[in-house]
């Protein structure tokens, strides 16, 4: 049965909440209702069918007593007039809300709608926090072409608060992020009657005016002549950290050494788990890669010793490069890397080690497909041959060993890590056996064979 009464302050104040929501109709304005919730909230709404609609629409006006009865009736008449003209006030309100959607809201919606890696999201968040502070909680529409040009220039010249130096690379990165957000907003937030609010992407002005810096990607790597100094300092630092019982720093040194001998990316190393390492079969498996394609690789001779050394530090959380913190693994190795760099005559980054590994592999003429698989570079869709080339850890074992041998021989590295005795390979494959030998052992074997003739 319909609950009808003339809305007055006395009547509405006296209404008590029930176990279920109760709806009351105003006899003063047809279509104005008050809903009383079990929580005690009393909400004014319009409940009326729009012109041409099959079912009634509900338009929320506000809560009593914050919204007075007279204000509710005025707003109700406006909404009823719009419904009579075929206009849904809810859609109009949503369109107005979309027009003033904030940059932060667009970013949050964008992240929820995409399958982005955690590291990618963190990078975007860092960029917004550092460079878009003045725009985060303001409407996206405020970022006009003029605002985009100014922001791009300010980041390039270091005029953003907190910046010590300008960065053309960061300026371009921020604008690429902003361009993606505007492209997302174009179809996600519509105006009234489905009109586009963000039809034009203001970041396009940078292309029109040729303002992109297009900073070349870094091409730094450790030269052959620098390898000895690099490993000497790395090993010296690790020995010092072990004496000082600085487990975190010593673990970072182990991680850096593995990076130099595998070319793995930073996150692939930091998240490597023992459950994916098989020291008996001398293989390991990287489940979390940049391109999403898992990678299985052989464990070369020196790396085998390094992992044997690491397994003595193994804990319950199972990370290869485990440390005593909340995450159970290295998260930020920068301070230790800076400390290593302080003792070198040059500077390096973890990605420099990847470029170094690639450069050595290329110099050894190992073949494009072999190098791409060792580095886990994704196949091109139009390369049919690559799609048919399957390289297992066994096919990669000799190439990986050749790279390791070259790096360590050039660096004049002597085996210093304590190691549990290696078992003789049980596989009858001659290639596997020879591939597992150190360079000096290979030379001795070759000399013995030559002397026997």
Protein backbone atom coordinates (compact mmCIF):
# COMPACT_ATOMS: atom_id res chain seq x y z
CA UNK A 1 0.00 0.00 0.00
CA UNK A 2 1.23 3.48 -0.94
CA UNK A 3 2.36 5.60 2.04
CA UNK A 4 1.27 9.16 1.25
CA UNK A 5 1.42 12.28 3.41
CA UNK A 6 2.05 15.98 3.04
CA UNK A 7 5.71 16.51 3.87
CA UNK A 8 6.23 18.77 6.86
CA UNK A 9 9.17 19.08 9.23
CA UNK A 10 7.09 17.64 12.06
CA UNK A 11 5.87 14.67 10.01
CA UNK A 12 9.26 13.76 8.56
CA UNK A 13 11.08 14.17 11.87
CA UNK A 14 8.62 11.80 13.50
CA UNK A 15 9.19 8.99 10.97
CA UNK A 16 11.00 6.11 12.67
CA UNK A 17 13.31 3.67 10.82
CA UNK A 18 12.10 0.09 10.35
CA UNK A 19 13.86 -3.19 9.63
CA UNK A 20 13.43 -2.52 5.91
CA UNK A 21 13.55 0.61 3.82
CA UNK A 22 10.19 2.45 3.79
CA UNK A 23 9.09 4.82 1.00
CA UNK A 24 6.77 7.81 1.60
CA UNK A 25 5.11 9.89 -1.16
CA UNK A 26 4.55 13.64 -0.89
CA UNK A 27 1.00 14.77 -1.61
CA UNK A 28 2.33 18.28 -2.35
CA UNK A 29 4.49 17.33 -5.38
CA UNK A 30 3.58 14.24 -7.36
CA UNK A 31 6.74 12.14 -7.81
CA UNK A 32 8.63 13.42 -4.75
CA UNK A 33 9.37 10.64 -2.27
CA UNK A 34 11.25 10.21 0.98
CA UNK A 35 12.96 6.89 1.71
CA UNK A 36 13.72 6.02 5.33
CA UNK A 37 16.50 3.44 5.77
CA UNK A 38 17.04 1.10 8.73
CA UNK A 39 20.14 3.18 9.53
CA UNK A 40 17.92 6.22 10.08
CA UNK A 41 18.99 8.05 6.91
CA UNK A 42 16.11 9.90 5.21
CA UNK A 43 16.70 10.53 1.50
CA UNK A 44 14.66 12.70 -0.88
CA UNK A 45 14.21 11.28 -4.37
CA UNK A 46 12.10 11.77 -7.46
CA UNK A 47 10.37 8.58 -8.62
CA UNK A 48 8.89 9.27 -12.05
CA UNK A 49 8.79 7.82 -15.53
CA UNK A 50 10.66 9.84 -18.17
CA UNK A 51 8.99 10.55 -21.49
CA UNK A 52 9.27 7.47 -23.68
CA UNK A 53 10.82 5.35 -20.90
CA UNK A 54 9.48 1.89 -20.01
CA UNK A 55 10.15 2.13 -16.29
CA UNK A 56 10.33 4.95 -13.70
CA UNK A 57 13.64 6.70 -12.98
CA UNK A 58 14.95 7.49 -9.53
CA UNK A 59 16.73 10.79 -9.07
CA UNK A 60 18.46 11.37 -5.72
CA UNK A 61 18.03 14.94 -4.45
CA UNK A 62 19.60 14.90 -0.98
CA UNK A 63 19.01 13.89 2.64
CA UNK A 64 16.63 15.34 5.20
CA UNK A 65 17.09 17.59 7.16
CA UNK A 66 20.25 18.84 5.37
CA UNK A 67 18.01 19.43 2.36
CA UNK A 68 14.87 21.26 3.45
CA UNK A 69 11.43 20.26 2.25
CA UNK A 70 11.08 23.46 0.17
CA UNK A 71 14.49 22.85 -1.46
CA UNK A 72 13.55 19.23 -2.14
CA UNK A 73 10.27 20.29 -3.81
CA UNK A 74 12.06 22.87 -5.97
CA UNK A 75 14.66 20.35 -7.11
CA UNK A 76 11.95 17.72 -7.61
CA UNK A 77 9.95 19.99 -9.94
CA UNK A 78 13.09 20.69 -11.99
CA UNK A 79 13.82 16.96 -12.28
CA UNK A 80 10.21 16.15 -13.17
CA UNK A 81 10.25 18.80 -15.92
CA UNK A 82 13.42 17.28 -17.36
CA UNK A 83 11.89 13.79 -17.27
CA UNK A 84 8.82 15.14 -19.05
CA UNK A 85 11.11 16.37 -21.86
CA UNK A 86 12.78 12.98 -22.09
CA UNK A 87 15.91 14.05 -20.21
CA UNK A 88 17.19 11.76 -17.47
CA UNK A 89 18.65 13.95 -14.70
CA UNK A 90 20.85 11.05 -13.59
CA UNK A 91 22.52 10.95 -16.98
CA UNK A 92 22.92 14.73 -16.96
CA UNK A 93 24.48 14.60 -13.46
CA UNK A 94 26.80 11.80 -14.57
CA UNK A 95 27.83 13.83 -17.61
CA UNK A 96 28.58 16.84 -15.42
CA UNK A 97 30.59 14.63 -13.08
CA UNK A 98 32.54 13.22 -16.04
CA UNK A 99 33.32 16.71 -17.30
CA UNK A 100 35.12 17.51 -14.06
CA UNK A 101 36.70 14.10 -13.43
CA UNK A 102 40.08 14.54 -11.71
CA UNK A 103 43.46 13.38 -13.02
CA UNK A 104 43.79 11.08 -9.99
CA UNK A 105 40.41 9.44 -10.68
CA UNK A 106 41.28 8.90 -14.35
CA UNK A 107 44.60 7.33 -13.35
CA UNK A 108 42.95 5.03 -10.78
CA UNK A 109 40.32 3.92 -13.31
CA UNK A 110 43.01 3.43 -15.96
CA UNK A 111 45.08 1.17 -13.70
CA UNK A 112 42.02 -0.89 -12.74
CA UNK A 113 41.07 -1.40 -16.38
CA UNK A 114 44.53 -2.50 -17.57
CA UNK A 115 46.68 -5.54 -16.87
CA UNK A 116 49.80 -3.66 -15.84
CA UNK A 117 52.84 -5.02 -14.04
CA UNK A 118 53.35 -3.83 -10.48
CA UNK A 119 56.61 -2.16 -11.44
CA UNK A 120 54.87 -0.27 -14.25
CA UNK A 121 52.15 0.99 -11.92
CA UNK A 122 54.74 2.08 -9.36
CA UNK A 123 56.64 3.95 -12.06
CA UNK A 124 53.48 5.77 -13.15
CA UNK A 125 52.57 6.59 -9.55
CA UNK A 126 56.05 7.98 -8.94
CA UNK A 127 55.80 10.20 -12.01
CA UNK A 128 52.39 11.56 -10.97
CA UNK A 129 53.57 12.17 -7.42
CA UNK A 130 56.72 14.00 -8.49
CA UNK A 131 55.57 16.02 -11.49
CA UNK A 132 51.76 16.32 -11.46
CA UNK A 133 51.22 17.43 -7.85
CA UNK A 134 49.42 20.63 -8.89
CA UNK A 135 47.01 18.75 -11.15
CA UNK A 136 46.27 15.46 -9.38
CA UNK A 137 43.07 16.51 -7.63
CA UNK A 138 41.95 18.97 -10.27
CA UNK A 139 39.80 18.24 -13.35
CA UNK A 140 41.67 16.52 -16.15
CA UNK A 141 40.16 19.07 -18.52
CA UNK A 142 42.39 21.72 -16.87
CA UNK A 143 45.37 20.17 -18.63
CA UNK A 144 45.01 22.20 -21.80
CA UNK A 145 47.53 22.41 -24.63
CA UNK A 146 49.15 25.42 -22.95
CA UNK A 147 49.35 23.58 -19.62
CA UNK A 148 50.87 20.54 -21.32
CA UNK A 149 53.53 22.62 -23.08
CA UNK A 150 54.44 24.43 -19.86
CA UNK A 151 54.61 21.26 -17.80
CA UNK A 152 56.80 19.55 -20.42
CA UNK A 153 59.17 22.52 -20.45
CA UNK A 154 59.23 22.84 -16.65
CA UNK A 155 60.21 19.18 -16.18
CA UNK A 156 62.83 19.47 -18.93
CA UNK A 157 64.38 22.52 -17.26
CA UNK A 158 64.05 21.28 -13.66
CA UNK A 159 61.54 23.93 -12.59
CA UNK A 160 59.26 21.50 -10.76
CA UNK A 161 59.47 21.75 -6.97
CA UNK A 162 61.83 19.12 -5.60
CA UNK A 163 63.83 18.71 -8.82
CA UNK A 164 67.58 19.30 -8.56
CA UNK A 165 68.21 19.10 -12.29
CA UNK A 166 66.10 19.11 -15.42
CA UNK A 167 65.38 15.86 -17.22
CA UNK A 168 64.32 15.65 -20.83
CA UNK A 169 63.78 11.89 -20.49
CA UNK A 170 61.42 12.37 -17.53
CA UNK A 171 59.59 15.15 -19.36
CA UNK A 172 58.89 12.85 -22.32
CA UNK A 173 57.95 9.97 -20.03
CA UNK A 174 55.41 12.10 -18.14
CA UNK A 175 53.84 13.28 -21.36
CA UNK A 176 53.56 9.71 -22.65
CA UNK A 177 51.74 8.76 -19.46
CA UNK A 178 49.45 11.77 -19.79
CA UNK A 179 48.77 10.95 -23.45
CA UNK A 180 47.70 7.43 -22.47
CA UNK A 181 45.35 8.81 -19.77
CA UNK A 182 43.69 11.21 -22.23
CA UNK A 183 43.27 8.40 -24.78
CA UNK A 184 41.62 6.32 -22.06
CA UNK A 185 39.41 9.21 -20.92
CA UNK A 186 38.18 9.87 -24.46
CA UNK A 187 35.93 6.82 -24.48
CA UNK A 188 35.54 6.23 -20.73
CA UNK A 189 33.98 9.56 -19.71
CA UNK A 190 31.16 10.79 -21.95
CA UNK A 191 29.07 13.93 -21.73
CA UNK A 192 25.32 14.33 -22.06
CA UNK A 193 23.80 12.37 -24.96
CA UNK A 194 27.07 10.42 -25.17
CA UNK A 195 29.02 13.39 -26.49
CA UNK A 196 32.81 13.20 -26.14
CA UNK A 197 34.30 15.44 -23.49
CA UNK A 198 37.91 14.61 -24.28
CA UNK A 199 37.66 14.36 -28.04
CA UNK A 200 41.08 15.95 -28.55
CA UNK A 201 44.27 14.86 -26.80
CA UNK A 202 46.17 18.03 -25.78
CA UNK A 203 49.49 16.13 -25.70
CA UNK A 204 49.35 16.07 -29.52
CA UNK A 205 50.55 19.69 -29.45
CA UNK A 206 54.05 18.39 -28.60
CA UNK A 207 54.16 16.43 -31.86
CA UNK A 208 52.75 19.34 -33.84
CA UNK A 209 55.43 21.67 -32.48
CA UNK A 210 58.13 18.97 -32.57
CA UNK A 211 58.77 19.44 -28.87
CA UNK A 212 59.48 15.82 -27.99
CA UNK A 213 63.09 15.37 -26.92
CA UNK A 214 63.27 11.74 -28.09
CA UNK A 215 66.18 11.06 -25.77
CA UNK A 216 68.27 8.17 -27.06
CA UNK A 217 68.22 5.09 -24.89
CA UNK A 218 71.30 4.51 -22.76
CA UNK A 219 74.05 2.59 -24.50
CA UNK A 220 76.50 2.37 -21.62
CA UNK A 221 78.13 -0.94 -20.74
CA UNK A 222 81.30 -2.23 -19.09
CA UNK A 223 84.14 -2.34 -21.59
CA UNK A 224 86.35 -5.40 -21.88
CA UNK A 225 89.28 -3.50 -20.37
CA UNK A 226 87.10 -2.57 -17.36
CA UNK A 227 85.96 -6.08 -16.47
CA UNK A 228 88.96 -6.88 -14.28
CA UNK A 229 88.54 -3.70 -12.24
CA UNK A 230 84.80 -4.35 -11.91
CA UNK A 231 85.17 -7.89 -10.56
CA UNK A 232 88.14 -6.98 -8.36
CA UNK A 233 86.13 -4.24 -6.65
CA UNK A 234 82.98 -6.38 -6.47
CA UNK A 235 84.80 -9.29 -4.82
CA UNK A 236 86.74 -7.00 -2.50
CA UNK A 237 83.55 -5.32 -1.35
CA UNK A 238 81.81 -8.66 -0.79
CA UNK A 239 84.68 -10.00 1.31
CA UNK A 240 84.63 -6.82 3.38
CA UNK A 241 80.85 -7.05 3.88
CA UNK A 242 81.13 -10.68 4.95
CA UNK A 243 83.80 -9.78 7.54
CA UNK A 244 81.57 -6.95 8.78
CA UNK A 245 78.60 -9.36 8.82
CA UNK A 246 76.68 -7.00 6.57
CA UNK A 247 74.48 -9.70 5.07
CA UNK A 248 72.33 -7.31 3.04
CA UNK A 249 75.28 -5.71 1.23
CA UNK A 250 76.99 -9.07 0.65
CA UNK A 251 73.76 -10.41 -0.85
CA UNK A 252 73.55 -7.42 -3.19
CA UNK A 253 77.10 -8.24 -4.36
CA UNK A 254 76.00 -11.81 -5.11
CA UNK A 255 73.03 -10.47 -7.05
CA UNK A 256 75.25 -8.09 -9.04
CA UNK A 257 77.60 -10.95 -9.92
CA UNK A 258 74.75 -13.12 -11.14
CA UNK A 259 73.46 -10.18 -13.20
CA UNK A 260 76.85 -9.86 -14.89
CA UNK A 261 76.93 -13.57 -15.77
CA UNK A 262 73.33 -13.96 -16.96
CA UNK A 263 72.19 -10.59 -18.28
CA UNK A 264 68.95 -10.96 -16.32
CA UNK A 265 66.86 -7.89 -15.58
CA UNK A 266 66.80 -6.42 -12.09
CA UNK A 267 63.31 -7.61 -11.13
CA UNK A 268 63.94 -11.09 -12.57
CA UNK A 269 66.88 -11.43 -10.18
CA UNK A 270 65.25 -9.89 -7.13
CA UNK A 271 62.20 -12.16 -7.34
CA UNK A 272 64.05 -15.38 -8.24
CA UNK A 273 62.96 -18.23 -5.94
CA UNK A 274 64.76 -21.42 -4.96
CA UNK A 275 61.79 -23.55 -6.01
CA UNK A 276 62.67 -22.61 -9.60
CA UNK A 277 66.37 -23.49 -9.24
CA UNK A 278 67.57 -27.05 -9.89
CA UNK A 279 71.23 -27.31 -8.91
CA UNK A 280 71.35 -30.97 -9.86
CA UNK A 281 70.08 -30.45 -13.41
CA UNK A 282 71.89 -27.09 -13.51
CA UNK A 283 68.88 -25.14 -14.73
CA UNK A 284 66.74 -22.35 -13.35
CA UNK A 285 63.37 -20.92 -14.29
CA UNK A 286 62.35 -17.24 -14.31
CA UNK A 287 58.59 -17.02 -13.91
CA UNK A 288 58.23 -13.23 -13.63
CA UNK A 289 59.68 -11.62 -16.74
CA UNK A 290 59.19 -8.20 -18.32
CA UNK A 291 57.43 -9.52 -21.41
CA UNK A 292 55.38 -12.10 -19.50
CA UNK A 293 57.07 -15.06 -21.24
CA UNK A 294 58.67 -17.46 -18.69
CA UNK A 295 62.34 -18.25 -19.21
CA UNK A 296 64.29 -21.43 -18.48
CA UNK A 297 68.07 -21.16 -18.59
CA UNK A 298 71.13 -23.35 -17.88
CA UNK A 299 73.34 -22.77 -14.85
CA UNK A 300 76.94 -22.33 -15.99
CA UNK A 301 79.94 -23.48 -13.94
CA UNK A 302 80.84 -20.38 -11.91
CA UNK A 303 77.17 -19.50 -11.46
CA UNK A 304 76.69 -23.00 -10.03
CA UNK A 305 79.30 -22.21 -7.37
CA UNK A 306 77.65 -18.86 -6.66
CA UNK A 307 74.24 -20.48 -6.14
CA UNK A 308 75.77 -23.16 -3.89
CA UNK A 309 77.21 -20.31 -1.86
CA UNK A 310 73.76 -18.63 -1.72
CA UNK A 311 71.86 -21.75 -0.67
CA UNK A 312 73.62 -21.71 2.69
CA UNK A 313 71.74 -18.46 3.40
CA UNK A 314 68.37 -19.87 2.31
CA UNK A 315 65.37 -19.09 4.56
CA UNK A 316 61.70 -20.08 4.73
CA UNK A 317 60.53 -17.41 2.31
CA UNK A 318 62.49 -19.01 -0.48
CA UNK A 319 64.09 -16.12 -2.35
CA UNK A 320 67.57 -16.69 -3.79
CA UNK A 321 68.67 -13.19 -2.79
CA UNK A 322 66.97 -13.20 0.60
CA UNK A 323 67.52 -10.54 3.24
CA UNK A 324 66.03 -9.82 6.65
CA UNK A 325 63.20 -7.40 5.84
CA UNK A 326 59.41 -7.43 5.44
CA UNK A 327 59.55 -8.62 1.83
CA UNK A 328 62.18 -11.27 2.56
CA UNK A 329 64.32 -10.21 -0.40
CA UNK A 330 66.31 -7.28 -1.75
CA UNK A 331 64.00 -4.45 -2.76
CA UNK A 332 66.25 -1.42 -3.17
CA UNK A 333 69.97 -2.13 -3.70
CA UNK A 334 70.92 1.46 -4.66
CA UNK A 335 73.02 2.32 -1.60
CA UNK A 336 75.21 -0.75 -2.05
CA UNK A 337 75.50 -0.12 -5.80
CA UNK A 338 76.58 3.45 -5.05
CA UNK A 339 79.16 2.12 -2.60
CA UNK A 340 80.59 -0.21 -5.28
CA UNK A 341 80.59 2.61 -7.83
CA UNK A 342 82.50 4.85 -5.41
CA UNK A 343 85.50 2.50 -5.67
CA UNK A 344 85.41 2.19 -9.46
CA UNK A 345 87.00 4.53 -11.98
CA UNK A 346 83.71 4.37 -13.92
CA UNK A 347 80.05 4.00 -13.00
CA UNK A 348 77.65 1.19 -13.87
CA UNK A 349 73.98 0.35 -13.47
CA UNK A 350 72.36 -3.07 -13.31
CA UNK A 351 71.09 -2.60 -16.84
CA UNK A 352 74.63 -1.83 -17.97
CA UNK A 353 75.44 -5.41 -16.96
CA UNK A 354 72.70 -6.66 -19.27
CA UNK A 355 74.14 -4.62 -22.13
CA UNK A 356 77.63 -5.92 -21.28
CA UNK A 357 76.39 -9.53 -21.38
CA UNK A 358 74.70 -8.90 -24.74
CA UNK A 359 77.82 -7.26 -26.17
CA UNK A 360 79.98 -10.22 -25.14
CA UNK A 361 77.45 -12.67 -26.61
CA UNK A 362 77.45 -10.80 -29.91
CA UNK A 363 81.25 -10.71 -30.02
CA UNK A 364 81.28 -14.51 -29.69
CA UNK A 365 78.99 -14.85 -32.74
CA UNK A 366 76.50 -17.03 -30.89
CA UNK A 367 73.65 -16.32 -33.28
CA UNK A 368 70.74 -13.91 -33.09
CA UNK A 369 68.12 -16.44 -31.95
CA UNK A 370 70.39 -17.84 -29.24
CA UNK A 371 71.16 -14.38 -27.87
CA UNK A 372 67.49 -13.36 -27.98
CA UNK A 373 66.50 -16.46 -26.02
CA UNK A 374 69.24 -15.96 -23.42
CA UNK A 375 67.97 -12.39 -22.95
CA UNK A 376 64.29 -13.38 -23.27
CA UNK A 377 63.56 -10.85 -25.98
CA UNK A 378 60.10 -11.41 -27.42
CA UNK A 379 59.77 -12.86 -30.91
CA UNK A 380 58.56 -10.66 -33.72
CA UNK A 381 55.22 -11.76 -35.12
CA UNK A 382 56.52 -11.66 -38.67
CA UNK A 383 59.58 -13.84 -37.92
CA UNK A 384 58.28 -17.30 -38.80
CA UNK A 385 61.69 -18.96 -38.41
CA UNK A 386 62.07 -17.71 -34.86
CA UNK A 387 58.66 -19.13 -34.05
CA UNK A 388 59.93 -22.59 -35.04
CA UNK A 389 63.25 -22.25 -33.22
CA UNK A 390 62.93 -23.93 -29.82
CA UNK A 391 65.97 -23.44 -27.59
CA UNK A 392 65.92 -25.50 -24.40
CA UNK A 393 68.40 -25.04 -21.51
CA UNK A 394 70.52 -27.82 -23.02
CA UNK A 395 70.81 -26.02 -26.36
CA UNK A 396 71.69 -22.84 -24.47
CA UNK A 397 74.18 -24.47 -22.09
CA UNK A 398 77.29 -24.21 -24.26
CA UNK A 399 76.56 -20.61 -25.41
CA UNK A 400 75.91 -19.54 -21.80
CA UNK A 401 79.13 -21.21 -20.67
CA UNK A 402 81.12 -19.51 -23.44
CA UNK A 403 79.86 -16.09 -22.33
CA UNK A 404 80.68 -16.81 -18.70
CA UNK A 405 84.16 -18.13 -19.60
CA UNK A 406 84.93 -15.07 -21.68
CA UNK A 407 83.83 -12.62 -18.97
CA UNK A 408 85.69 -14.39 -16.15
CA UNK A 409 88.82 -15.05 -18.19
CA UNK A 410 88.95 -11.41 -19.30
CA UNK A 411 88.40 -10.29 -15.71
CA UNK A 412 91.07 -12.73 -14.52
CA UNK A 413 88.68 -14.11 -11.91
CA UNK A 414 89.95 -16.88 -9.70
CA UNK A 415 87.36 -19.05 -7.98
CA UNK A 416 86.99 -17.70 -4.45
CA UNK A 417 83.54 -18.84 -3.44
CA UNK A 418 83.27 -21.76 -1.03
CA UNK A 419 81.58 -24.59 -2.82
CA UNK A 420 80.19 -27.99 -2.06
CA UNK A 421 81.93 -30.54 -4.31
CA UNK A 422 80.31 -30.80 -7.72
CA UNK A 423 79.21 -34.19 -8.90
CA UNK A 424 80.44 -35.44 -12.24
CA UNK A 425 77.70 -34.90 -14.82
CA UNK A 426 75.62 -38.05 -15.12
CA UNK A 427 74.46 -37.16 -18.65
CA UNK A 428 76.41 -39.01 -21.34
CA UNK A 429 76.31 -36.03 -23.66
CA UNK A 430 79.86 -34.97 -24.52
CA UNK A 431 78.65 -31.45 -25.24
CA UNK A 432 77.13 -31.14 -21.78
CA UNK A 433 80.30 -32.41 -20.14
CA UNK A 434 82.62 -30.08 -22.04
CA UNK A 435 80.22 -27.16 -21.62
CA UNK A 436 80.39 -27.61 -17.86
CA UNK A 437 84.19 -27.33 -17.72
CA UNK A 438 86.02 -24.14 -16.82
CA UNK A 439 88.23 -22.54 -19.46
CA UNK A 440 91.44 -23.78 -17.83
CA UNK A 441 90.01 -27.30 -17.63
CA UNK A 442 89.11 -27.16 -21.31
CA UNK A 443 92.67 -26.12 -22.20
CA UNK A 444 94.13 -28.98 -20.17
CA UNK A 445 91.78 -31.47 -21.83
CA UNK A 446 92.72 -30.16 -25.26
CA UNK A 447 96.45 -30.44 -24.46
CA UNK A 448 95.99 -34.04 -23.22
CA UNK A 449 94.17 -34.96 -26.41
CA UNK A 450 96.86 -33.38 -28.59
CA UNK A 451 99.66 -35.09 -26.65
CA UNK A 452 97.98 -38.43 -27.09
CA UNK A 453 98.35 -38.26 -30.89
